Amino acid sequence: MTTLVTVLKSGGRYDARWVDRLQRGARQSIPSLDRVVCLSDLPVVLPGVETIPLRHDWPAWWAKFEAFRPEVGDDLTILCDLDTVFSGDASAIAEDGSAAMEDYFLKGRLSTALMRWHSADYADLYETFEAEPERWMKPGSCGAVPNSVHGDQVVVDHLLRRSGRLPAFLQQRHPGLLDFYDREKTDQGPIIIFIGDSKPDKAPASLQTLWYGPNDGARESHGSPALV
């Protein structure tokens, strides 16, 4: 079983529509995908998405640590940020072997924007963070990390590096699989990663059309019909 996991934490700019667009794109681009799971503190009800409640009230990106709960994933688990756009055949993301995206700004360091692992291989990441969340959320808990905001990926990188389990980077394992969004490039993908303030809903019309998909009325509606 291959499961894609994403996290929707309340209080930010994302809502259930982002989950829907992600799962539709992922299912079209990853033929072997069996399940899509959304970890959330919101009552998300979407066709094709299994919603699992967040267990902790960890703020912002720290909620992503719950993706490593052993009961959440499957034989192969893919963690994917909500602001990811699929534009073509991304079947390689579901190939065998743990891997993670290399951080855009910090070469040689892991990013949790896109990761994959087997079964409960990384359950200890959740268990370690759960035991002392205040410690790990404190800047400096992982030593000096130049030019980086202290967040979940800093801690994940630190814990995996400390145990000698830093996975291969996706950019080296699967060249051409992902692109970092560039407004000047017209042909990107098949997985487009948005960094910082750039988001799919602010991208050029051609990419927005790809992301929204057919029959998505969100461009005209400010409601959130997928929340009940």
C-alpha atoms as a PDB file:
ATOM      1  CA  MET A   1       0.000   0.000   0.000  1.00  0.00           C
ATOM      2  CA  THR A   2       1.199   3.494  -0.880  1.00  0.00           C
ATOM      3  CA  THR A   3      -0.231   6.412   1.083  1.00  0.00           C
ATOM      4  CA  LEU A   4       0.187  10.138   0.547  1.00  0.00           C
ATOM      5  CA  VAL A   5      -0.084  12.148   3.776  1.00  0.00           C
ATOM      6  CA  THR A   6      -0.625  15.878   4.055  1.00  0.00           C
ATOM      7  CA  VAL A   7      -1.312  18.111   7.063  1.00  0.00           C
ATOM      8  CA  LEU A   8      -3.970  20.818   7.307  1.00  0.00           C
ATOM      9  CA  LYS A   9      -3.593  22.871  10.478  1.00  0.00           C
ATOM     10  CA  SER A  10      -6.239  25.506  11.231  1.00  0.00           C
ATOM     11  CA  GLY A  11      -5.381  29.168  11.567  1.00  0.00           C
ATOM     12  CA  GLY A  12      -3.458  29.627   8.320  1.00  0.00           C
ATOM     13  CA  ARG A  13      -4.286  30.450   4.695  1.00  0.00           C
ATOM     14  CA  TYR A  14      -5.042  26.848   3.740  1.00  0.00           C
ATOM     15  CA  ASP A  15      -8.419  25.120   3.842  1.00  0.00           C
ATOM     16  CA  ALA A  16      -9.952  21.877   2.586  1.00  0.00           C
ATOM     17  CA  ARG A  17      -9.873  23.051  -1.034  1.00  0.00           C
ATOM     18  CA  TRP A  18      -6.085  22.823  -0.967  1.00  0.00           C
ATOM     19  CA  VAL A  19      -6.344  19.219   0.214  1.00  0.00           C
ATOM     20  CA  ASP A  20      -8.786  18.425  -2.594  1.00  0.00           C
ATOM     21  CA  ARG A  21      -6.555  19.925  -5.292  1.00  0.00           C
ATOM     22  CA  LEU A  22      -3.508  18.116  -3.937  1.00  0.00           C
ATOM     23  CA  GLN A  23      -5.215  14.724  -3.825  1.00  0.00           C
ATOM     24  CA  ARG A  24      -6.687  15.097  -7.317  1.00  0.00           C
ATOM     25  CA  GLY A  25      -3.310  16.027  -8.767  1.00  0.00           C
ATOM     26  CA  ALA A  26      -1.513  13.270  -6.874  1.00  0.00           C
ATOM     27  CA  ARG A  27      -3.950  10.579  -7.987  1.00  0.00           C
ATOM     28  CA  GLN A  28      -3.581  11.618 -11.615  1.00  0.00           C
ATOM     29  CA  SER A  29       0.220  11.672 -11.428  1.00  0.00           C
ATOM     30  CA  ILE A  30       1.020   8.698  -9.163  1.00  0.00           C
ATOM     31  CA  PRO A  31      -0.679   5.581 -10.620  1.00  0.00           C
ATOM     32  CA  SER A  32       0.274   3.329  -7.692  1.00  0.00           C
ATOM     33  CA  LEU A  33      -1.210   5.639  -5.033  1.00  0.00           C
ATOM     34  CA  ASP A  34      -3.703   3.749  -2.855  1.00  0.00           C
ATOM     35  CA  ARG A  35      -4.702   6.235  -0.146  1.00  0.00           C
ATOM     36  CA  VAL A  36      -4.633   9.964   0.565  1.00  0.00           C
ATOM     37  CA  VAL A  37      -4.650  10.911   4.234  1.00  0.00           C
ATOM     38  CA  CYS A  38      -5.176  14.381   5.670  1.00  0.00           C
ATOM     39  CA  LEU A  39      -4.098  14.974   9.252  1.00  0.00           C
ATOM     40  CA  SER A  40      -6.163  17.903  10.493  1.00  0.00           C
ATOM     41  CA  ASP A  41      -7.837  19.630  13.430  1.00  0.00           C
ATOM     42  CA  LEU A  42     -10.678  20.573  11.051  1.00  0.00           C
ATOM     43  CA  PRO A  43     -13.665  18.401  10.034  1.00  0.00           C
ATOM     44  CA  VAL A  44     -12.517  17.809   6.449  1.00  0.00           C
ATOM     45  CA  VAL A  45     -14.894  15.669   4.368  1.00  0.00           C
ATOM     46  CA  LEU A  46     -13.688  15.036   0.811  1.00  0.00           C
ATOM     47  CA  PRO A  47     -14.183  12.162  -1.645  1.00  0.00           C
ATOM     48  CA  GLY A  48     -10.992  10.156  -1.908  1.00  0.00           C
ATOM     49  CA  VAL A  49      -9.474  11.579   1.295  1.00  0.00           C
ATOM     50  CA  GLU A  50      -9.274   9.879   4.676  1.00  0.00           C
ATOM     51  CA  THR A  51      -9.194  12.485   7.439  1.00  0.00           C
ATOM     52  CA  ILE A  52      -7.370  11.557  10.658  1.00  0.00           C
ATOM     53  CA  PRO A  53      -7.613  13.984  13.595  1.00  0.00           C
ATOM     54  CA  LEU A  54      -4.455  15.626  14.846  1.00  0.00           C
ATOM     55  CA  ARG A  55      -3.662  14.305  18.300  1.00  0.00           C
ATOM     56  CA  HIS A  56      -1.749  17.341  19.579  1.00  0.00           C
ATOM     57  CA  ASP A  57      -2.128  21.102  19.397  1.00  0.00           C
ATOM     58  CA  TRP A  58       1.379  21.645  18.091  1.00  0.00           C
ATOM     59  CA  PRO A  59       1.473  24.999  16.276  1.00  0.00           C
ATOM     60  CA  ALA A  60       1.972  25.667  12.571  1.00  0.00           C
ATOM     61  CA  TRP A  61       4.497  23.396  10.830  1.00  0.00           C
ATOM     62  CA  TRP A  62       5.233  21.457  14.013  1.00  0.00           C
ATOM     63  CA  ALA A  63       1.962  19.564  13.408  1.00  0.00           C
ATOM     64  CA  LYS A  64       3.777  17.753  10.569  1.00  0.00           C
ATOM     65  CA  PHE A  65       5.525  15.590  13.152  1.00  0.00           C
ATOM     66  CA  GLU A  66       2.256  13.689  13.475  1.00  0.00           C
ATOM     67  CA  ALA A  67       2.774  12.351   9.950  1.00  0.00           C
ATOM     68  CA  PHE A  68       5.394  10.042  11.477  1.00  0.00           C
ATOM     69  CA  ARG A  69       2.857   8.388  13.785  1.00  0.00           C
ATOM     70  CA  PRO A  70       3.228   4.681  12.963  1.00  0.00           C
ATOM     71  CA  GLU A  71      -0.496   4.089  12.440  1.00  0.00           C
ATOM     72  CA  VAL A  72      -0.910   6.913   9.907  1.00  0.00           C
ATOM     73  CA  GLY A  73       1.008   5.597   6.911  1.00  0.00           C
ATOM     74  CA  ASP A  74       1.402   2.289   5.085  1.00  0.00           C
ATOM     75  CA  ASP A  75       4.055   0.154   3.430  1.00  0.00           C
ATOM     76  CA  LEU A  76       5.245   3.306   1.672  1.00  0.00           C
ATOM     77  CA  THR A  77       4.340   6.745   3.013  1.00  0.00           C
ATOM     78  CA  ILE A  78       4.755   9.977   1.046  1.00  0.00           C
ATOM     79  CA  LEU A  79       4.604  13.246   2.988  1.00  0.00           C
ATOM     80  CA  CYS A  80       3.638  16.191   0.789  1.00  0.00           C
ATOM     81  CA  ASP A  81       3.002  19.867   1.521  1.00  0.00           C
ATOM     82  CA  LEU A  82      -0.363  21.334   0.531  1.00  0.00           C
ATOM     83  CA  ASP A  83       1.153  23.931  -1.811  1.00  0.00           C
ATOM     84  CA  THR A  84       2.513  21.279  -4.182  1.00  0.00           C
ATOM     85  CA  VAL A  85       1.320  21.018  -7.788  1.00  0.00           C
ATOM     86  CA  PHE A  86       1.475  17.848  -9.883  1.00  0.00           C
ATOM     87  CA  SER A  87       1.794  18.435 -13.628  1.00  0.00           C
ATOM     88  CA  GLY A  88       2.690  15.048 -15.124  1.00  0.00           C
ATOM     89  CA  ASP A  89       3.871  11.504 -14.474  1.00  0.00           C
ATOM     90  CA  ALA A  90       5.293  11.461 -10.949  1.00  0.00           C
ATOM     91  CA  SER A  91       5.297   7.696 -10.485  1.00  0.00           C
ATOM     92  CA  ALA A  92       8.975   7.794  -9.425  1.00  0.00           C
ATOM     93  CA  ILE A  93       8.003   9.386  -6.106  1.00  0.00           C
ATOM     94  CA  ALA A  94       6.469   6.030  -5.140  1.00  0.00           C
ATOM     95  CA  GLU A  95       9.539   3.953  -5.935  1.00  0.00           C
ATOM     96  CA  ASP A  96      11.323   1.901  -3.298  1.00  0.00           C
ATOM     97  CA  GLY A  97      13.713   3.463  -0.780  1.00  0.00           C
ATOM     98  CA  SER A  98      13.466   6.285   1.737  1.00  0.00           C
ATOM     99  CA  ALA A  99      14.184   9.718   0.277  1.00  0.00           C
ATOM    100  CA  ALA A 100      13.578  13.399   0.976  1.00  0.00           C
ATOM    101  CA  MET A 101      13.784  16.667  -0.876  1.00  0.00           C
ATOM    102  CA  GLU A 102      17.007  18.603  -0.447  1.00  0.00           C
ATOM    103  CA  ASP A 103      16.298  22.037   1.033  1.00  0.00           C
ATOM    104  CA  TYR A 104      16.160  24.809  -1.558  1.00  0.00           C
ATOM    105  CA  PHE A 105      18.247  27.231   0.492  1.00  0.00           C
ATOM    106  CA  LEU A 106      20.473  24.914   2.559  1.00  0.00           C
ATOM    107  CA  LYS A 107      22.276  22.456   0.338  1.00  0.00           C
ATOM    108  CA  GLY A 108      22.926  19.138   2.008  1.00  0.00           C
ATOM    109  CA  ARG A 109      19.994  19.491   4.396  1.00  0.00           C
ATOM    110  CA  LEU A 110      16.647  17.768   4.312  1.00  0.00           C
ATOM    111  CA  SER A 111      13.261  19.359   3.665  1.00  0.00           C
ATOM    112  CA  THR A 112       9.976  17.856   4.858  1.00  0.00           C
ATOM    113  CA  ALA A 113       8.061  19.437   1.952  1.00  0.00           C
ATOM    114  CA  LEU A 114       8.373  16.089   0.140  1.00  0.00           C
ATOM    115  CA  MET A 115       9.530  12.868   1.795  1.00  0.00           C
ATOM    116  CA  ARG A 116       8.957   9.138   1.587  1.00  0.00           C
ATOM    117  CA  TRP A 117       9.705   6.263   3.935  1.00  0.00           C
ATOM    118  CA  HIS A 118       8.688   2.698   4.653  1.00  0.00           C
ATOM    119  CA  SER A 119       6.051   1.678   7.175  1.00  0.00           C
ATOM    120  CA  ALA A 120       7.050   2.782  10.700  1.00  0.00           C
ATOM    121  CA  ASP A 121      10.734   3.421   9.884  1.00  0.00           C
ATOM    122  CA  TYR A 122      10.534   6.985  11.184  1.00  0.00           C
ATOM    123  CA  ALA A 123       8.110   6.439  14.072  1.00  0.00           C
ATOM    124  CA  ASP A 124      10.879   7.373  16.497  1.00  0.00           C
ATOM    125  CA  LEU A 125      10.829  10.930  15.086  1.00  0.00           C
ATOM    126  CA  TYR A 126       7.277  11.344  16.344  1.00  0.00           C
ATOM    127  CA  GLU A 127       8.040   9.622  19.643  1.00  0.00           C
ATOM    128  CA  THR A 128      11.131  11.765  20.306  1.00  0.00           C
ATOM    129  CA  PHE A 129       9.309  15.010  19.506  1.00  0.00           C
ATOM    130  CA  GLU A 130       6.205  14.012  21.474  1.00  0.00           C
ATOM    131  CA  ALA A 131       8.294  13.364  24.580  1.00  0.00           C
ATOM    132  CA  GLU A 132       9.756  16.916  24.639  1.00  0.00           C
ATOM    133  CA  PRO A 133       7.987  19.188  22.159  1.00  0.00           C
ATOM    134  CA  GLU A 134       8.939  22.418  23.947  1.00  0.00           C
ATOM    135  CA  ARG A 135      12.593  21.450  23.852  1.00  0.00           C
ATOM    136  CA  TRP A 136      12.616  20.694  20.137  1.00  0.00           C
ATOM    137  CA  MET A 137      10.563  23.752  19.171  1.00  0.00           C
ATOM    138  CA  LYS A 138      13.130  25.998  20.838  1.00  0.00           C
ATOM    139  CA  PRO A 139      15.599  27.612  18.400  1.00  0.00           C
ATOM    140  CA  GLY A 140      19.085  26.269  18.964  1.00  0.00           C
ATOM    141  CA  SER A 141      17.909  22.835  20.082  1.00  0.00           C
ATOM    142  CA  CYS A 142      19.644  21.336  17.043  1.00  0.00           C
ATOM    143  CA  GLY A 143      22.736  23.513  17.135  1.00  0.00           C
ATOM    144  CA  ALA A 144      23.566  26.267  14.689  1.00  0.00           C
ATOM    145  CA  VAL A 145      21.630  26.169  11.412  1.00  0.00           C
ATOM    146  CA  PRO A 146      22.814  29.150   9.366  1.00  0.00           C
ATOM    147  CA  ASN A 147      20.312  31.171   7.332  1.00  0.00           C
ATOM    148  CA  SER A 148      17.357  28.991   8.303  1.00  0.00           C
ATOM    149  CA  VAL A 149      14.143  29.442  10.241  1.00  0.00           C
ATOM    150  CA  HIS A 150      13.940  26.894  13.037  1.00  0.00           C
ATOM    151  CA  GLY A 151      11.151  24.505  12.100  1.00  0.00           C
ATOM    152  CA  ASP A 152      10.148  20.895  11.766  1.00  0.00           C
ATOM    153  CA  GLN A 153      12.576  20.098   8.961  1.00  0.00           C
ATOM    154  CA  VAL A 154      15.534  21.353  10.992  1.00  0.00           C
ATOM    155  CA  VAL A 155      14.625  18.920  13.772  1.00  0.00           C
ATOM    156  CA  VAL A 156      13.908  16.017  11.402  1.00  0.00           C
ATOM    157  CA  ASP A 157      17.247  16.583   9.659  1.00  0.00           C
ATOM    158  CA  HIS A 158      19.026  16.733  13.032  1.00  0.00           C
ATOM    159  CA  LEU A 159      17.440  13.552  14.414  1.00  0.00           C
ATOM    160  CA  LEU A 160      18.025  11.496  11.272  1.00  0.00           C
ATOM    161  CA  ARG A 161      21.565  12.807  10.893  1.00  0.00           C
ATOM    162  CA  ARG A 162      22.272  12.055  14.573  1.00  0.00           C
ATOM    163  CA  SER A 163      21.221   8.427  14.087  1.00  0.00           C
ATOM    164  CA  GLY A 164      23.056   8.039  10.775  1.00  0.00           C
ATOM    165  CA  ARG A 165      19.839   7.661   8.778  1.00  0.00           C
ATOM    166  CA  LEU A 166      19.774  10.776   6.600  1.00  0.00           C
ATOM    167  CA  PRO A 167      18.002   9.542   3.445  1.00  0.00           C
ATOM    168  CA  ALA A 168      18.975  10.094  -0.160  1.00  0.00           C
ATOM    169  CA  PHE A 169      17.843  13.360  -1.684  1.00  0.00           C
ATOM    170  CA  LEU A 170      15.082  13.144  -4.271  1.00  0.00           C
ATOM    171  CA  GLN A 171      16.878  15.530  -6.636  1.00  0.00           C
ATOM    172  CA  GLN A 172      19.798  13.093  -6.889  1.00  0.00           C
ATOM    173  CA  ARG A 173      17.746   9.890  -6.735  1.00  0.00           C
ATOM    174  CA  HIS A 174      15.229  11.026  -9.359  1.00  0.00           C
ATOM    175  CA  PRO A 175      16.650  13.833 -11.528  1.00  0.00           C
ATOM    176  CA  GLY A 176      13.888  15.771 -13.235  1.00  0.00           C
ATOM    177  CA  LEU A 177      11.170  14.647 -10.840  1.00  0.00           C
ATOM    178  CA  LEU A 178      10.679  17.984  -9.108  1.00  0.00           C
ATOM    179  CA  ASP A 179      11.102  21.648  -9.915  1.00  0.00           C
ATOM    180  CA  PHE A 180      11.113  24.679  -7.681  1.00  0.00           C
ATOM    181  CA  TYR A 181       8.509  27.115  -8.944  1.00  0.00           C
ATOM    182  CA  ASP A 182       9.925  29.763 -11.251  1.00  0.00           C
ATOM    183  CA  ARG A 183       7.539  32.305 -12.730  1.00  0.00           C
ATOM    184  CA  GLU A 184       9.750  32.684 -15.799  1.00  0.00           C
ATOM    185  CA  LYS A 185       9.672  28.985 -16.710  1.00  0.00           C
ATOM    186  CA  THR A 186       6.699  27.670 -18.678  1.00  0.00           C
ATOM    187  CA  ASP A 187       7.423  23.933 -18.539  1.00  0.00           C
ATOM    188  CA  GLN A 188       7.907  22.694 -14.997  1.00  0.00           C
ATOM    189  CA  GLY A 189       7.274  19.519 -13.118  1.00  0.00           C
ATOM    190  CA  PRO A 190       6.095  16.856 -12.888  1.00  0.00           C
ATOM    191  CA  ILE A 191       6.158  17.935  -9.233  1.00  0.00           C
ATOM    192  CA  ILE A 192       6.284  21.692  -8.662  1.00  0.00           C
ATOM    193  CA  ILE A 193       7.458  22.862  -5.239  1.00  0.00           C
ATOM    194  CA  PHE A 194       6.557  26.338  -4.018  1.00  0.00           C
ATOM    195  CA  ILE A 195       8.987  28.107  -1.697  1.00  0.00           C
ATOM    196  CA  GLY A 196       8.366  31.017   0.676  1.00  0.00           C
ATOM    197  CA  ASP A 197       5.660  33.470  -0.344  1.00  0.00           C
ATOM    198  CA  SER A 198       5.087  31.976  -3.808  1.00  0.00           C
ATOM    199  CA  LYS A 199       1.887  29.901  -3.875  1.00  0.00           C
ATOM    200  CA  PRO A 200      -0.164  28.167  -6.585  1.00  0.00           C
ATOM    201  CA  ASP A 201      -3.072  30.588  -6.221  1.00  0.00           C
ATOM    202  CA  LYS A 202      -0.736  33.489  -7.062  1.00  0.00           C
ATOM    203  CA  ALA A 203       0.922  31.777 -10.015  1.00  0.00           C
ATOM    204  CA  PRO A 204       0.247  32.578 -13.703  1.00  0.00           C
ATOM    205  CA  ALA A 205      -3.093  31.545 -15.161  1.00  0.00           C
ATOM    206  CA  SER A 206      -1.732  28.492 -16.992  1.00  0.00           C
ATOM    207  CA  LEU A 207      -0.435  26.931 -13.793  1.00  0.00           C
ATOM    208  CA  GLN A 208      -3.515  27.933 -11.813  1.00  0.00           C
ATOM    209  CA  THR A 209      -5.685  26.147 -14.381  1.00  0.00           C
ATOM    210  CA  LEU A 210      -3.603  23.011 -13.914  1.00  0.00           C
ATOM    211  CA  TRP A 211      -3.831  23.279 -10.132  1.00  0.00           C
ATOM    212  CA  TYR A 212      -7.540  24.062  -9.904  1.00  0.00           C
ATOM    213  CA  GLY A 213      -8.572  21.429 -12.397  1.00  0.00           C
ATOM    214  CA  PRO A 214     -11.942  21.306 -14.169  1.00  0.00           C
ATOM    215  CA  ASN A 215     -15.141  22.242 -12.349  1.00  0.00           C
ATOM    216  CA  ASP A 216     -13.349  23.873  -9.419  1.00  0.00           C
ATOM    217  CA  GLY A 217     -15.420  26.923  -8.493  1.00  0.00           C
ATOM    218  CA  ALA A 218     -13.004  28.200  -5.842  1.00  0.00           C
ATOM    219  CA  ARG A 219     -11.774  30.975  -8.119  1.00  0.00           C
ATOM    220  CA  GLU A 220     -15.169  32.595  -7.779  1.00  0.00           C
ATOM    221  CA  SER A 221     -16.052  31.426  -4.283  1.00  0.00           C
ATOM    222  CA  HIS A 222     -14.544  32.384  -0.948  1.00  0.00           C
ATOM    223  CA  GLY A 223     -16.409  29.690   0.941  1.00  0.00           C
ATOM    224  CA  SER A 224     -15.079  26.339   2.029  1.00  0.00           C
ATOM    225  CA  PRO A 225     -17.702  23.802   0.977  1.00  0.00           C
ATOM    226  CA  ALA A 226     -15.521  20.819   1.859  1.00  0.00           C
ATOM    227  CA  LEU A 227     -15.688  21.661   5.556  1.00  0.00           C
ATOM    228  CA  VAL A 228     -18.823  20.375   7.260  1.00  0.00           C
END
